[in-house]
Amino acid sequence: MTLDKVNAENYNQYFLDGITNCFFTPIKDWAILCEEDAKSKSAIKRYKSINKKIDNYLIKYKEGIPEDEVQ
């Protein structure tokens, strides 16, 4: 169909797939691997901080992260 035949509407999209969060889970997996491979105390601290933030986001966005919050 051409655009003039379709009523354009904006929909808020939420990113959540199955029992895991498809947006945050890959980031958390990456941060866990980086933390395990980190050699310095500052790197370990940085990746622990990222993991803690992701845990908070998983609680906050348990129904999925809205598209306008992705930034």
C-alpha atoms as a PDB file:
ATOM      1  CA  MET A   1       0.000   0.000   0.000  1.00  0.00           C
ATOM      2  CA  THR A   2       1.150   3.494  -0.645  1.00  0.00           C
ATOM      3  CA  LEU A   3       1.566   5.946   2.210  1.00  0.00           C
ATOM      4  CA  ASP A   4      -1.476   8.015   1.210  1.00  0.00           C
ATOM      5  CA  LYS A   5      -3.693   4.941   1.791  1.00  0.00           C
ATOM      6  CA  VAL A   6      -2.339   4.175   5.247  1.00  0.00           C
ATOM      7  CA  ASN A   7      -3.087   6.207   8.343  1.00  0.00           C
ATOM      8  CA  ALA A   8       0.255   6.855   9.974  1.00  0.00           C
ATOM      9  CA  GLU A   9       0.300   6.556  13.760  1.00  0.00           C
ATOM     10  CA  ASN A  10       3.177   6.486  16.191  1.00  0.00           C
ATOM     11  CA  TYR A  11       3.317   3.502  18.504  1.00  0.00           C
ATOM     12  CA  ASN A  12       5.480   3.250  21.577  1.00  0.00           C
ATOM     13  CA  GLN A  13       7.637   0.189  21.154  1.00  0.00           C
ATOM     14  CA  TYR A  14       8.894  -1.790  24.173  1.00  0.00           C
ATOM     15  CA  PHE A  15      11.943  -4.045  23.988  1.00  0.00           C
ATOM     16  CA  LEU A  16      11.398  -7.295  25.882  1.00  0.00           C
ATOM     17  CA  ASP A  17      11.584 -10.814  24.555  1.00  0.00           C
ATOM     18  CA  GLY A  18      10.528 -13.889  26.490  1.00  0.00           C
ATOM     19  CA  ILE A  19      11.697 -14.314  30.058  1.00  0.00           C
ATOM     20  CA  THR A  20      14.901 -12.347  29.496  1.00  0.00           C
ATOM     21  CA  ASN A  21      15.287  -8.726  28.539  1.00  0.00           C
ATOM     22  CA  CYS A  22      16.557  -8.739  24.956  1.00  0.00           C
ATOM     23  CA  PHE A  23      18.049  -5.271  25.379  1.00  0.00           C
ATOM     24  CA  PHE A  24      19.937  -5.598  28.666  1.00  0.00           C
ATOM     25  CA  THR A  25      20.857  -9.300  28.773  1.00  0.00           C
ATOM     26  CA  PRO A  26      23.581  -9.121  26.075  1.00  0.00           C
ATOM     27  CA  ILE A  27      25.101  -6.063  27.759  1.00  0.00           C
ATOM     28  CA  LYS A  28      25.094  -7.798  31.149  1.00  0.00           C
ATOM     29  CA  ASP A  29      26.638 -10.962  29.661  1.00  0.00           C
ATOM     30  CA  TRP A  30      29.391  -8.842  28.089  1.00  0.00           C
ATOM     31  CA  ALA A  31      30.073  -6.989  31.357  1.00  0.00           C
ATOM     32  CA  ILE A  32      30.278 -10.259  33.313  1.00  0.00           C
ATOM     33  CA  LEU A  33      32.821 -11.672  30.853  1.00  0.00           C
ATOM     34  CA  CYS A  34      34.849  -8.454  30.950  1.00  0.00           C
ATOM     35  CA  GLU A  35      34.806  -8.461  34.751  1.00  0.00           C
ATOM     36  CA  GLU A  36      36.086 -12.060  34.816  1.00  0.00           C
ATOM     37  CA  ASP A  37      38.899 -11.209  32.387  1.00  0.00           C
ATOM     38  CA  ALA A  38      39.843  -7.885  33.993  1.00  0.00           C
ATOM     39  CA  LYS A  39      43.360  -7.625  35.358  1.00  0.00           C
ATOM     40  CA  SER A  40      43.302  -4.333  37.269  1.00  0.00           C
ATOM     41  CA  LYS A  41      41.235  -3.373  40.290  1.00  0.00           C
ATOM     42  CA  SER A  42      39.870  -0.307  38.500  1.00  0.00           C
ATOM     43  CA  ALA A  43      38.632  -2.406  35.561  1.00  0.00           C
ATOM     44  CA  ILE A  44      36.973  -4.895  37.911  1.00  0.00           C
ATOM     45  CA  LYS A  45      35.320  -2.007  39.749  1.00  0.00           C
ATOM     46  CA  ARG A  46      34.116  -0.463  36.463  1.00  0.00           C
ATOM     47  CA  TYR A  47      32.506  -3.709  35.253  1.00  0.00           C
ATOM     48  CA  LYS A  48      30.921  -4.375  38.646  1.00  0.00           C
ATOM     49  CA  SER A  49      29.410  -0.904  38.416  1.00  0.00           C
ATOM     50  CA  ILE A  50      28.019  -1.652  34.958  1.00  0.00           C
ATOM     51  CA  ASN A  51      26.535  -4.925  36.228  1.00  0.00           C
ATOM     52  CA  LYS A  52      24.916  -3.158  39.163  1.00  0.00           C
ATOM     53  CA  LYS A  53      23.384  -0.531  36.855  1.00  0.00           C
ATOM     54  CA  ILE A  54      22.049  -3.241  34.568  1.00  0.00           C
ATOM     55  CA  ASP A  55      20.502  -5.037  37.556  1.00  0.00           C
ATOM     56  CA  ASN A  56      18.725  -1.803  38.509  1.00  0.00           C
ATOM     57  CA  TYR A  57      17.520  -1.296  34.934  1.00  0.00           C
ATOM     58  CA  LEU A  58      16.216  -4.880  34.807  1.00  0.00           C
ATOM     59  CA  ILE A  59      14.092  -4.123  37.871  1.00  0.00           C
ATOM     60  CA  LYS A  60      12.969  -0.723  36.589  1.00  0.00           C
ATOM     61  CA  TYR A  61      12.097  -1.990  33.099  1.00  0.00           C
ATOM     62  CA  LYS A  62      10.771  -5.454  33.944  1.00  0.00           C
ATOM     63  CA  GLU A  63       7.917  -4.905  31.462  1.00  0.00           C
ATOM     64  CA  GLY A  64      10.358  -3.888  28.726  1.00  0.00           C
ATOM     65  CA  ILE A  65      12.265  -0.713  28.004  1.00  0.00           C
ATOM     66  CA  PRO A  66      10.270   1.931  26.109  1.00  0.00           C
ATOM     67  CA  GLU A  67      11.728   3.167  22.845  1.00  0.00           C
ATOM     68  CA  ASP A  68      12.068   6.733  24.153  1.00  0.00           C
ATOM     69  CA  GLU A  69      14.166   5.493  27.108  1.00  0.00           C
ATOM     70  CA  VAL A  70      16.747   3.632  24.991  1.00  0.00           C
ATOM     71  CA  GLN A  71      19.142   6.570  24.832  1.00  0.00           C
END
